[in-house]
């Protein structure tokens, strides 16, 4: 498990399956990201965009989930880079 994955898992600790990581949680993750975590975030965004292209048009729920993940990781990337 990568360090980024560990940070995300720690932020999810205590949340129900239906709950998302809060903005404060994402900020806490961003503060702990170094160069390797930033590279991993960038790679995840690329993979998610590629995955989105393969989702059937009728599967709006999956599209929404992937778009939410892309948005979350994009914000995380900006915060981690200090933008």
PDB file of N, CA and C in Angstrom:
ATOM      1  N   UNK A   1       0.852  -1.172   0.000  1.00  0.00           N
ATOM      2  CA  UNK A   1       0.000   0.000   0.000  1.00  0.00           C
ATOM      3  C   UNK A   1       0.900   1.237   0.000  1.00  0.00           C
ATOM      4  N   UNK A   2       0.589   2.155  -0.890  1.00  0.00           N
ATOM      5  CA  UNK A   2       1.383   3.379  -0.987  1.00  0.00           C
ATOM      6  C   UNK A   2       1.105   4.293   0.205  1.00  0.00           C
ATOM      7  N   UNK A   3       1.991   5.248   0.399  1.00  0.00           N
ATOM      8  CA  UNK A   3       1.795   6.209   1.481  1.00  0.00           C
ATOM      9  C   UNK A   3       0.517   7.017   1.257  1.00  0.00           C
ATOM     10  N   UNK A   4       0.242   7.393   0.006  1.00  0.00           N
ATOM     11  CA  UNK A   4      -0.984   8.137  -0.289  1.00  0.00           C
ATOM     12  C   UNK A   4      -2.205   7.318   0.090  1.00  0.00           C
ATOM     13  N   UNK A   5      -2.193   6.045  -0.261  1.00  0.00           N
ATOM     14  CA  UNK A   5      -3.321   5.179   0.084  1.00  0.00           C
ATOM     15  C   UNK A   5      -3.478   5.083   1.599  1.00  0.00           C
ATOM     16  N   UNK A   6      -2.368   5.016   2.315  1.00  0.00           N
ATOM     17  CA  UNK A   6      -2.432   4.973   3.782  1.00  0.00           C
ATOM     18  C   UNK A   6      -3.037   6.260   4.337  1.00  0.00           C
ATOM     19  N   UNK A   7      -2.642   7.395   3.780  1.00  0.00           N
ATOM     20  CA  UNK A   7      -3.191   8.679   4.224  1.00  0.00           C
ATOM     21  C   UNK A   7      -4.698   8.741   3.983  1.00  0.00           C
ATOM     22  N   UNK A   8      -5.123   8.251   2.825  1.00  0.00           N
ATOM     23  CA  UNK A   8      -6.554   8.247   2.492  1.00  0.00           C
ATOM     24  C   UNK A   8      -7.306   7.301   3.416  1.00  0.00           C
ATOM     25  N   UNK A   9      -6.752   6.124   3.651  1.00  0.00           N
ATOM     26  CA  UNK A   9      -7.402   5.157   4.548  1.00  0.00           C
ATOM     27  C   UNK A   9      -7.527   5.719   5.961  1.00  0.00           C
ATOM     28  N   UNK A  10      -6.496   6.406   6.427  1.00  0.00           N
ATOM     29  CA  UNK A  10      -6.553   7.024   7.756  1.00  0.00           C
ATOM     30  C   UNK A  10      -7.646   8.087   7.817  1.00  0.00           C
ATOM     31  N   UNK A  11      -7.785   8.865   6.742  1.00  0.00           N
ATOM     32  CA  UNK A  11      -8.816   9.908   6.705  1.00  0.00           C
ATOM     33  C   UNK A  11     -10.219   9.303   6.676  1.00  0.00           C
ATOM     34  N   UNK A  12     -10.348   8.109   6.089  1.00  0.00           N
ATOM     35  CA  UNK A  12     -11.648   7.426   6.015  1.00  0.00           C
ATOM     36  C   UNK A  12     -11.997   6.701   7.306  1.00  0.00           C
ATOM     37  N   UNK A  13     -11.020   6.533   8.167  1.00  0.00           N
ATOM     38  CA  UNK A  13     -11.233   5.795   9.409  1.00  0.00           C
ATOM     39  C   UNK A  13     -12.363   6.429  10.212  1.00  0.00           C
ATOM     40  N   UNK A  14     -13.319   5.608  10.591  1.00  0.00           N
ATOM     41  CA  UNK A  14     -14.445   6.082  11.382  1.00  0.00           C
ATOM     42  C   UNK A  14     -15.610   6.598  10.561  1.00  0.00           C
ATOM     43  N   UNK A  15     -15.435   6.715   9.240  1.00  0.00           N
ATOM     44  CA  UNK A  15     -16.525   7.159   8.376  1.00  0.00           C
ATOM     45  C   UNK A  15     -17.352   5.960   7.932  1.00  0.00           C
ATOM     46  N   UNK A  16     -18.628   6.182   7.734  1.00  0.00           N
ATOM     47  CA  UNK A  16     -19.461   5.111   7.187  1.00  0.00           C
ATOM     48  C   UNK A  16     -19.185   4.998   5.691  1.00  0.00           C
ATOM     49  N   UNK A  17     -19.664   3.931   5.087  1.00  0.00           N
ATOM     50  CA  UNK A  17     -19.464   3.699   3.654  1.00  0.00           C
ATOM     51  C   UNK A  17     -20.056   4.847   2.832  1.00  0.00           C
ATOM     52  N   UNK A  18     -21.128   5.448   3.324  1.00  0.00           N
ATOM     53  CA  UNK A  18     -21.795   6.520   2.583  1.00  0.00           C
ATOM     54  C   UNK A  18     -21.158   7.892   2.794  1.00  0.00           C
ATOM     55  N   UNK A  19     -20.257   8.017   3.763  1.00  0.00           N
ATOM     56  CA  UNK A  19     -19.634   9.306   4.049  1.00  0.00           C
ATOM     57  C   UNK A  19     -18.369   9.497   3.219  1.00  0.00           C
ATOM     58  N   UNK A  20     -18.145  10.743   2.821  1.00  0.00           N
ATOM     59  CA  UNK A  20     -16.944  11.105   2.080  1.00  0.00           C
ATOM     60  C   UNK A  20     -15.965  11.812   3.008  1.00  0.00           C
ATOM     61  N   UNK A  21     -14.724  11.832   2.610  1.00  0.00           N
ATOM     62  CA  UNK A  21     -13.707  12.560   3.354  1.00  0.00           C
ATOM     63  C   UNK A  21     -14.060  14.047   3.293  1.00  0.00           C
ATOM     64  N   UNK A  22     -13.992  14.716   4.423  1.00  0.00           N
ATOM     65  CA  UNK A  22     -14.329  16.141   4.495  1.00  0.00           C
ATOM     66  C   UNK A  22     -13.236  16.985   3.840  1.00  0.00           C
ATOM     67  N   UNK A  23     -13.558  18.244   3.608  1.00  0.00           N
ATOM     68  CA  UNK A  23     -12.561  19.180   3.070  1.00  0.00           C
ATOM     69  C   UNK A  23     -11.358  19.287   3.995  1.00  0.00           C
ATOM     70  N   UNK A  24     -11.630  19.319   5.293  1.00  0.00           N
ATOM     71  CA  UNK A  24     -10.530  19.363   6.263  1.00  0.00           C
ATOM     72  C   UNK A  24      -9.675  18.101   6.184  1.00  0.00           C
ATOM     73  N   UNK A  25     -10.330  16.962   5.950  1.00  0.00           N
ATOM     74  CA  UNK A  25      -9.611  15.701   5.803  1.00  0.00           C
ATOM     75  C   UNK A  25      -8.685  15.718   4.602  1.00  0.00           C
ATOM     76  N   UNK A  26      -9.188  16.243   3.471  1.00  0.00           N
ATOM     77  CA  UNK A  26      -8.360  16.337   2.267  1.00  0.00           C
ATOM     78  C   UNK A  26      -7.200  17.306   2.497  1.00  0.00           C
ATOM     79  N   UNK A  27      -7.461  18.406   3.220  1.00  0.00           N
ATOM     80  CA  UNK A  27      -6.391  19.362   3.521  1.00  0.00           C
ATOM     81  C   UNK A  27      -5.305  18.712   4.379  1.00  0.00           C
ATOM     82  N   UNK A  28      -5.725  17.904   5.335  1.00  0.00           N
ATOM     83  CA  UNK A  28      -4.760  17.208   6.194  1.00  0.00           C
ATOM     84  C   UNK A  28      -3.908  16.244   5.373  1.00  0.00           C
ATOM     85  N   UNK A  29      -4.537  15.571   4.417  1.00  0.00           N
ATOM     86  CA  UNK A  29      -3.787  14.674   3.527  1.00  0.00           C
ATOM     87  C   UNK A  29      -2.782  15.491   2.717  1.00  0.00           C
ATOM     88  N   UNK A  30      -3.238  16.604   2.143  1.00  0.00           N
ATOM     89  CA  UNK A  30      -2.381  17.433   1.288  1.00  0.00           C
ATOM     90  C   UNK A  30      -1.126  17.892   2.022  1.00  0.00           C
ATOM     91  N   UNK A  31      -1.267  18.230   3.291  1.00  0.00           N
ATOM     92  CA  UNK A  31      -0.128  18.709   4.080  1.00  0.00           C
ATOM     93  C   UNK A  31       0.933  17.633   4.273  1.00  0.00           C
ATOM     94  N   UNK A  32       0.544  16.370   4.105  1.00  0.00           N
ATOM     95  CA  UNK A  32       1.475  15.260   4.309  1.00  0.00           C
ATOM     96  C   UNK A  32       2.028  14.705   2.998  1.00  0.00           C
ATOM     97  N   UNK A  33       1.649  15.335   1.888  1.00  0.00           N
ATOM     98  CA  UNK A  33       2.086  14.843   0.578  1.00  0.00           C
ATOM     99  C   UNK A  33       3.435  15.424   0.192  1.00  0.00           C
ATOM    100  N   UNK A  34       4.295  14.538  -0.267  1.00  0.00           N
ATOM    101  CA  UNK A  34       5.575  14.935  -0.828  1.00  0.00           C
ATOM    102  C   UNK A  34       5.564  14.682  -2.325  1.00  0.00           C
ATOM    103  N   UNK A  35       6.737  14.688  -2.917  1.00  0.00           N
ATOM    104  CA  UNK A  35       6.857  14.527  -4.365  1.00  0.00           C
ATOM    105  C   UNK A  35       6.276  13.204  -4.856  1.00  0.00           C
ATOM    106  N   UNK A  36       6.513  12.113  -4.140  1.00  0.00           N
ATOM    107  CA  UNK A  36       6.011  10.811  -4.607  1.00  0.00           C
ATOM    108  C   UNK A  36       4.490  10.748  -4.533  1.00  0.00           C
ATOM    109  N   UNK A  37       3.903  11.350  -3.503  1.00  0.00           N
ATOM    110  CA  UNK A  37       2.442  11.362  -3.392  1.00  0.00           C
ATOM    111  C   UNK A  37       1.829  12.236  -4.485  1.00  0.00           C
ATOM    112  N   UNK A  38       2.475  13.356  -4.792  1.00  0.00           N
ATOM    113  CA  UNK A  38       1.983  14.235  -5.858  1.00  0.00           C
ATOM    114  C   UNK A  38       2.005  13.503  -7.193  1.00  0.00           C
ATOM    115  N   UNK A  39       3.077  12.768  -7.468  1.00  0.00           N
ATOM    116  CA  UNK A  39       3.140  11.974  -8.706  1.00  0.00           C
ATOM    117  C   UNK A  39       2.018  10.947  -8.743  1.00  0.00           C
ATOM    118  N   UNK A  40       1.771  10.304  -7.613  1.00  0.00           N
ATOM    119  CA  UNK A  40       0.707   9.299  -7.562  1.00  0.00           C
ATOM    120  C   UNK A  40      -0.667   9.934  -7.787  1.00  0.00           C
ATOM    121  N   UNK A  41      -0.897  11.102  -7.227  1.00  0.00           N
ATOM    122  CA  UNK A  41      -2.172  11.798  -7.441  1.00  0.00           C
ATOM    123  C   UNK A  41      -2.344  12.100  -8.925  1.00  0.00           C
ATOM    124  N   UNK A  42      -1.291  12.604  -9.554  1.00  0.00           N
ATOM    125  CA  UNK A  42      -1.354  12.908 -10.990  1.00  0.00           C
ATOM    126  C   UNK A  42      -1.658  11.651 -11.799  1.00  0.00           C
ATOM    127  N   UNK A  43      -1.020  10.538 -11.446  1.00  0.00           N
ATOM    128  CA  UNK A  43      -1.264   9.274 -12.142  1.00  0.00           C
ATOM    129  C   UNK A  43      -2.696   8.795 -11.932  1.00  0.00           C
ATOM    130  N   UNK A  44      -3.218   8.951 -10.731  1.00  0.00           N
ATOM    131  CA  UNK A  44      -4.592   8.540 -10.444  1.00  0.00           C
ATOM    132  C   UNK A  44      -5.581   9.340 -11.287  1.00  0.00           C
ATOM    133  N   UNK A  45      -5.345  10.638 -11.421  1.00  0.00           N
ATOM    134  CA  UNK A  45      -6.234  11.476 -12.225  1.00  0.00           C
ATOM    135  C   UNK A  45      -6.229  11.003 -13.675  1.00  0.00           C
ATOM    136  N   UNK A  46      -5.057  10.711 -14.208  1.00  0.00           N
ATOM    137  CA  UNK A  46      -4.949  10.214 -15.588  1.00  0.00           C
ATOM    138  C   UNK A  46      -5.713   8.901 -15.737  1.00  0.00           C
ATOM    139  N   UNK A  47      -5.534   7.983 -14.787  1.00  0.00           N
ATOM    140  CA  UNK A  47      -6.233   6.685 -14.857  1.00  0.00           C
ATOM    141  C   UNK A  47      -7.740   6.854 -14.741  1.00  0.00           C
ATOM    142  N   UNK A  48      -8.174   7.748 -13.856  1.00  0.00           N
ATOM    143  CA  UNK A  48      -9.610   7.980 -13.699  1.00  0.00           C
ATOM    144  C   UNK A  48     -10.216   8.566 -14.969  1.00  0.00           C
ATOM    145  N   UNK A  49      -9.516   9.495 -15.609  1.00  0.00           N
ATOM    146  CA  UNK A  49     -10.020  10.071 -16.870  1.00  0.00           C
ATOM    147  C   UNK A  49     -10.111   8.998 -17.951  1.00  0.00           C
ATOM    148  N   UNK A  50      -9.120   8.112 -17.993  1.00  0.00           N
ATOM    149  CA  UNK A  50      -9.152   7.013 -18.962  1.00  0.00           C
ATOM    150  C   UNK A  50     -10.306   6.069 -18.652  1.00  0.00           C
ATOM    151  N   UNK A  51     -10.519   5.777 -17.377  1.00  0.00           N
ATOM    152  CA  UNK A  51     -11.623   4.904 -16.978  1.00  0.00           C
ATOM    153  C   UNK A  51     -12.965   5.527 -17.341  1.00  0.00           C
ATOM    154  N   UNK A  52     -13.082   6.833 -17.170  1.00  0.00           N
ATOM    155  CA  UNK A  52     -14.325   7.530 -17.489  1.00  0.00           C
ATOM    156  C   UNK A  52     -14.692   7.355 -18.961  1.00  0.00           C
ATOM    157  N   UNK A  53     -13.691   7.316 -19.817  1.00  0.00           N
ATOM    158  CA  UNK A  53     -13.924   7.138 -21.256  1.00  0.00           C
ATOM    159  C   UNK A  53     -14.506   5.768 -21.589  1.00  0.00           C
ATOM    160  N   UNK A  54     -14.306   4.795 -20.711  1.00  0.00           N
ATOM    161  CA  UNK A  54     -14.783   3.435 -20.989  1.00  0.00           C
ATOM    162  C   UNK A  54     -16.171   3.156 -20.425  1.00  0.00           C
ATOM    163  N   UNK A  55     -16.705   4.077 -19.630  1.00  0.00           N
ATOM    164  CA  UNK A  55     -18.003   3.854 -18.986  1.00  0.00           C
ATOM    165  C   UNK A  55     -19.118   4.043 -20.009  1.00  0.00           C
ATOM    166  N   UNK A  56     -20.054   3.116 -19.984  1.00  0.00           N
ATOM    167  CA  UNK A  56     -21.196   3.193 -20.895  1.00  0.00           C
ATOM    168  C   UNK A  56     -21.982   4.480 -20.646  1.00  0.00           C
ATOM    169  N   UNK A  57     -22.544   5.038 -21.708  1.00  0.00           N
ATOM    170  CA  UNK A  57     -23.291   6.290 -21.633  1.00  0.00           C
ATOM    171  C   UNK A  57     -24.468   6.214 -20.663  1.00  0.00           C
ATOM    172  N   UNK A  58     -25.092   5.038 -20.579  1.00  0.00           N
ATOM    173  CA  UNK A  58     -26.271   4.876 -19.725  1.00  0.00           C
ATOM    174  C   UNK A  58     -25.916   4.796 -18.240  1.00  0.00           C
ATOM    175  N   UNK A  59     -24.634   4.616 -17.927  1.00  0.00           N
ATOM    176  CA  UNK A  59     -24.216   4.403 -16.538  1.00  0.00           C
ATOM    177  C   UNK A  59     -23.821   5.722 -15.869  1.00  0.00           C
ATOM    178  N   UNK A  60     -24.817   6.568 -15.656  1.00  0.00           N
ATOM    179  CA  UNK A  60     -24.576   7.885 -15.075  1.00  0.00           C
ATOM    180  C   UNK A  60     -24.044   7.841 -13.657  1.00  0.00           C
ATOM    181  N   UNK A  61     -24.467   6.840 -12.878  1.00  0.00           N
ATOM    182  CA  UNK A  61     -23.983   6.747 -11.495  1.00  0.00           C
ATOM    183  C   UNK A  61     -22.473   6.538 -11.457  1.00  0.00           C
ATOM    184  N   UNK A  62     -21.983   5.644 -12.305  1.00  0.00           N
ATOM    185  CA  UNK A  62     -20.542   5.394 -12.355  1.00  0.00           C
ATOM    186  C   UNK A  62     -19.808   6.628 -12.862  1.00  0.00           C
ATOM    187  N   UNK A  63     -20.369   7.284 -13.871  1.00  0.00           N
ATOM    188  CA  UNK A  63     -19.763   8.516 -14.373  1.00  0.00           C
ATOM    189  C   UNK A  63     -19.676   9.561 -13.264  1.00  0.00           C
ATOM    190  N   UNK A  64     -20.747   9.693 -12.493  1.00  0.00           N
ATOM    191  CA  UNK A  64     -20.752  10.648 -11.379  1.00  0.00           C
ATOM    192  C   UNK A  64     -19.684  10.306 -10.348  1.00  0.00           C
ATOM    193  N   UNK A  65     -19.569   9.020 -10.007  1.00  0.00           N
ATOM    194  CA  UNK A  65     -18.569   8.586  -9.025  1.00  0.00           C
ATOM    195  C   UNK A  65     -17.153   8.902  -9.497  1.00  0.00           C
ATOM    196  N   UNK A  66     -16.885   8.620 -10.764  1.00  0.00           N
ATOM    197  CA  UNK A  66     -15.547   8.869 -11.306  1.00  0.00           C
ATOM    198  C   UNK A  66     -15.274  10.367 -11.372  1.00  0.00           C
ATOM    199  N   UNK A  67     -16.256  11.143 -11.810  1.00  0.00           N
ATOM    200  CA  UNK A  67     -16.078  12.597 -11.853  1.00  0.00           C
ATOM    201  C   UNK A  67     -15.849  13.174 -10.461  1.00  0.00           C
ATOM    202  N   UNK A  68     -16.540  12.630  -9.459  1.00  0.00           N
ATOM    203  CA  UNK A  68     -16.331  13.071  -8.081  1.00  0.00           C
ATOM    204  C   UNK A  68     -14.896  12.762  -7.643  1.00  0.00           C
ATOM    205  N   UNK A  69     -14.416  11.571  -7.987  1.00  0.00           N
ATOM    206  CA  UNK A  69     -13.042  11.193  -7.630  1.00  0.00           C
ATOM    207  C   UNK A  69     -12.031  12.095  -8.337  1.00  0.00           C
ATOM    208  N   UNK A  70     -12.259  12.373  -9.614  1.00  0.00           N
ATOM    209  CA  UNK A  70     -11.365  13.265 -10.360  1.00  0.00           C
ATOM    210  C   UNK A  70     -11.330  14.639  -9.695  1.00  0.00           C
ATOM    211  N   UNK A  71     -12.494  15.151  -9.348  1.00  0.00           N
ATOM    212  CA  UNK A  71     -12.577  16.455  -8.693  1.00  0.00           C
ATOM    213  C   UNK A  71     -11.841  16.449  -7.352  1.00  0.00           C
ATOM    214  N   UNK A  72     -12.057  15.411  -6.569  1.00  0.00           N
ATOM    215  CA  UNK A  72     -11.406  15.312  -5.256  1.00  0.00           C
ATOM    216  C   UNK A  72      -9.891  15.257  -5.392  1.00  0.00           C
ATOM    217  N   UNK A  73      -9.404  14.430  -6.313  1.00  0.00           N
ATOM    218  CA  UNK A  73      -7.957  14.311  -6.487  1.00  0.00           C
ATOM    219  C   UNK A  73      -7.353  15.566  -7.115  1.00  0.00           C
ATOM    220  N   UNK A  74      -8.114  16.256  -7.966  1.00  0.00           N
ATOM    221  CA  UNK A  74      -7.629  17.508  -8.544  1.00  0.00           C
ATOM    222  C   UNK A  74      -7.466  18.563  -7.455  1.00  0.00           C
ATOM    223  N   UNK A  75      -8.441  18.658  -6.558  1.00  0.00           N
ATOM    224  CA  UNK A  75      -8.337  19.591  -5.434  1.00  0.00           C
ATOM    225  C   UNK A  75      -7.182  19.206  -4.511  1.00  0.00           C
ATOM    226  N   UNK A  76      -7.038  17.904  -4.266  1.00  0.00           N
ATOM    227  CA  UNK A  76      -5.932  17.423  -3.438  1.00  0.00           C
ATOM    228  C   UNK A  76      -4.596  17.808  -4.065  1.00  0.00           C
ATOM    229  N   UNK A  77      -4.490  17.637  -5.371  1.00  0.00           N
ATOM    230  CA  UNK A  77      -3.257  17.976  -6.084  1.00  0.00           C
ATOM    231  C   UNK A  77      -2.938  19.462  -5.937  1.00  0.00           C
ATOM    232  N   UNK A  78      -3.944  20.303  -6.129  1.00  0.00           N
ATOM    233  CA  UNK A  78      -3.734  21.747  -5.986  1.00  0.00           C
ATOM    234  C   UNK A  78      -3.275  22.093  -4.572  1.00  0.00           C
ATOM    235  N   UNK A  79      -3.914  21.497  -3.594  1.00  0.00           N
ATOM    236  CA  UNK A  79      -3.542  21.770  -2.199  1.00  0.00           C
ATOM    237  C   UNK A  79      -2.141  21.257  -1.890  1.00  0.00           C
ATOM    238  N   UNK A  80      -1.823  20.070  -2.382  1.00  0.00           N
ATOM    239  CA  UNK A  80      -0.512  19.475  -2.115  1.00  0.00           C
ATOM    240  C   UNK A  80       0.610  20.284  -2.759  1.00  0.00           C
ATOM    241  N   UNK A  81       0.316  20.873  -3.915  1.00  0.00           N
ATOM    242  CA  UNK A  81       1.311  21.697  -4.604  1.00  0.00           C
ATOM    243  C   UNK A  81       1.352  23.118  -4.061  1.00  0.00           C
ATOM    244  N   UNK A  82       0.378  23.449  -3.211  1.00  0.00           N
ATOM    245  CA  UNK A  82       0.328  24.784  -2.640  1.00  0.00           C
ATOM    246  C   UNK A  82      -0.216  25.826  -3.591  1.00  0.00           C
ATOM    247  N   UNK A  83      -1.006  25.390  -4.564  1.00  0.00           N
ATOM    248  CA  UNK A  83      -1.588  26.323  -5.552  1.00  0.00           C
ATOM    249  C   UNK A  83      -2.759  27.084  -4.971  1.00  0.00           C
TER     250      UNK A  83
END
